C-alpha atoms as a PDB file:
ATOM      1  CA  MET A   1       0.070  -0.042   0.233  1.00  0.00           C
ATOM      2  CA  ALA A   2       3.327   2.083  -0.114  1.00  0.00           C
ATOM      3  CA  THR A   3       2.230   2.941  -3.394  1.00  0.00           C
ATOM      4  CA  ALA A   4      -0.841   3.730  -3.403  1.00  0.00           C
ATOM      5  CA  ASP A   5      -0.531   5.840  -0.731  1.00  0.00           C
ATOM      6  CA  GLN A   6       2.350   8.127  -2.531  1.00  0.00           C
ATOM      7  CA  LEU A   7       0.184   8.074  -5.789  1.00  0.00           C
ATOM      8  CA  LYS A   8      -2.750   9.748  -3.400  1.00  0.00           C
ATOM      9  CA  ARG A   9      -0.261  11.855  -1.606  1.00  0.00           C
ATOM     10  CA  GLU A  10       1.250  13.398  -5.470  1.00  0.00           C
ATOM     11  CA  ILE A  11      -2.487  13.512  -6.649  1.00  0.00           C
ATOM     12  CA  ASP A  12      -3.326  16.037  -3.444  1.00  0.00           C
ATOM     13  CA  VAL A  13      -0.977  18.410  -4.644  1.00  0.00           C
ATOM     14  CA  LEU A  14      -0.875  18.394  -8.012  1.00  0.00           C
ATOM     15  CA  PRO A  15      -2.225  21.340 -10.010  1.00  0.00           C
ATOM     16  CA  ALA A  16      -5.849  21.180 -11.001  1.00  0.00           C
ATOM     17  CA  PRO A  17      -5.616  20.923 -15.197  1.00  0.00           C
ATOM     18  CA  PHE A  18      -3.344  18.265 -14.635  1.00  0.00           C
ATOM     19  CA  LEU A  19      -6.051  16.098 -12.406  1.00  0.00           C
ATOM     20  CA  ASP A  20      -8.118  15.519 -15.941  1.00  0.00           C
ATOM     21  CA  GLU A  21      -5.558  13.940 -17.913  1.00  0.00           C
ATOM     22  CA  VAL A  22      -4.516  11.786 -14.767  1.00  0.00           C
ATOM     23  CA  ALA A  23      -8.022  10.434 -14.443  1.00  0.00           C
ATOM     24  CA  ARG A  24      -8.036   9.812 -18.497  1.00  0.00           C
ATOM     25  CA  PHE A  25      -4.889   7.600 -17.905  1.00  0.00           C
ATOM     26  CA  ILE A  26      -6.409   5.615 -14.647  1.00  0.00           C
ATOM     27  CA  ILE A  27      -9.599   4.750 -17.075  1.00  0.00           C
ATOM     28  CA  LYS A  28      -7.336   3.996 -20.094  1.00  0.00           C
ATOM     29  CA  LEU A  29      -6.021   1.421 -17.352  1.00  0.00           C
ATOM     30  CA  LYS A  30      -9.083   0.203 -16.267  1.00  0.00           C
ATOM     31  CA  GLN A  31     -10.375  -0.545 -20.055  1.00  0.00           C
ATOM     32  CA  ARG A  32      -7.068  -1.953 -21.419  1.00  0.00           C
ATOM     33  CA  ARG A  33      -6.935  -4.349 -17.711  1.00  0.00           C
ATOM     34  CA  SER A  34     -11.121  -5.144 -18.252  1.00  0.00           C
ATOM     35  CA  SER A  35     -10.712  -5.962 -21.820  1.00  0.00           C
ATOM     36  CA  THR A  36      -9.957  -9.546 -23.086  1.00  0.00           C
ATOM     37  CA  GLN A  37      -6.525  -9.859 -25.006  1.00  0.00           C
ATOM     38  CA  PRO A  38      -7.639 -12.243 -28.069  1.00  0.00           C
ATOM     39  CA  ASP A  39      -5.905 -15.455 -28.237  1.00  0.00           C
ATOM     40  CA  LEU A  40      -3.929 -15.337 -30.821  1.00  0.00           C
ATOM     41  CA  LEU A  41      -3.360 -19.226 -31.601  1.00  0.00           C
ATOM     42  CA  ALA A  42      -7.155 -19.251 -31.909  1.00  0.00           C
ATOM     43  CA  ASP A  43      -7.206 -16.832 -34.366  1.00  0.00           C
ATOM     44  CA  LEU A  44      -4.211 -18.622 -36.435  1.00  0.00           C
ATOM     45  CA  SER A  45      -6.354 -22.068 -36.516  1.00  0.00           C
ATOM     46  CA  ALA A  46      -9.466 -20.011 -37.572  1.00  0.00           C
ATOM     47  CA  CYS A  47      -6.948 -18.927 -40.953  1.00  0.00           C
ATOM     48  CA  ARG A  48      -5.780 -22.660 -41.678  1.00  0.00           C
ATOM     49  CA  ILE A  49      -4.969 -23.364 -45.159  1.00  0.00           C
ATOM     50  CA  ASP A  50      -6.498 -26.187 -47.035  1.00  0.00           C
ATOM     51  CA  ASP A  51      -4.074 -29.381 -47.192  1.00  0.00           C
ATOM     52  CA  ASP A  52      -4.538 -30.021 -50.641  1.00  0.00           C
ATOM     53  CA  LEU A  53      -1.636 -26.774 -51.744  1.00  0.00           C
ATOM     54  CA  PRO A  54       0.744 -27.613 -54.299  1.00  0.00           C
ATOM     55  CA  ALA A  55       4.107 -29.321 -52.566  1.00  0.00           C
ATOM     56  CA  ASP A  56       6.449 -26.599 -54.346  1.00  0.00           C
ATOM     57  CA  LEU A  57       4.179 -23.906 -53.321  1.00  0.00           C
ATOM     58  CA  ALA A  58       7.183 -22.092 -51.621  1.00  0.00           C
ATOM     59  CA  GLU A  59       9.889 -22.563 -54.184  1.00  0.00           C
ATOM     60  CA  GLN A  60       7.364 -22.175 -57.330  1.00  0.00           C
ATOM     61  CA  LEU A  61       5.198 -18.938 -55.783  1.00  0.00           C
ATOM     62  CA  ASP A  62       5.378 -16.886 -59.094  1.00  0.00           C
ATOM     63  CA  HIS A  63       4.236 -19.618 -61.183  1.00  0.00           C
ATOM     64  CA  TYR A  64       1.255 -20.067 -58.808  1.00  0.00           C
ATOM     65  CA  LEU A  65       0.644 -16.241 -58.259  1.00  0.00           C
ATOM     66  CA  TYR A  66       1.426 -14.597 -61.519  1.00  0.00           C
ATOM     67  CA  GLY A  67       2.141 -17.675 -64.395  1.00  0.00           C
ATOM     68  CA  THR A  68       5.636 -17.325 -65.014  1.00  0.00           C
ATOM     69  CA  PRO A  69       7.091 -20.445 -66.267  1.00  0.00           C
ATOM     70  CA  LYS A  70       7.888 -23.187 -63.412  1.00  0.00           C
ATOM     71  CA  LYS A  71      11.927 -23.036 -62.343  1.00  0.00           C
END
């Protein structure tokens, strides 16, 4: 609680114009804490690619994208 007490003392002597800024900052912190973080693995699994892709897709990407001759 030492940190909370120190913050309270600092706020007590803070000039009035800065109080609005501190209040906005606290609101942002609360929103960030309460918002749920997206699950990266779940997002990636939803974007999976079908398994019927060519085995040489990485090596022949230009061929499959633009129709250039295979190397």
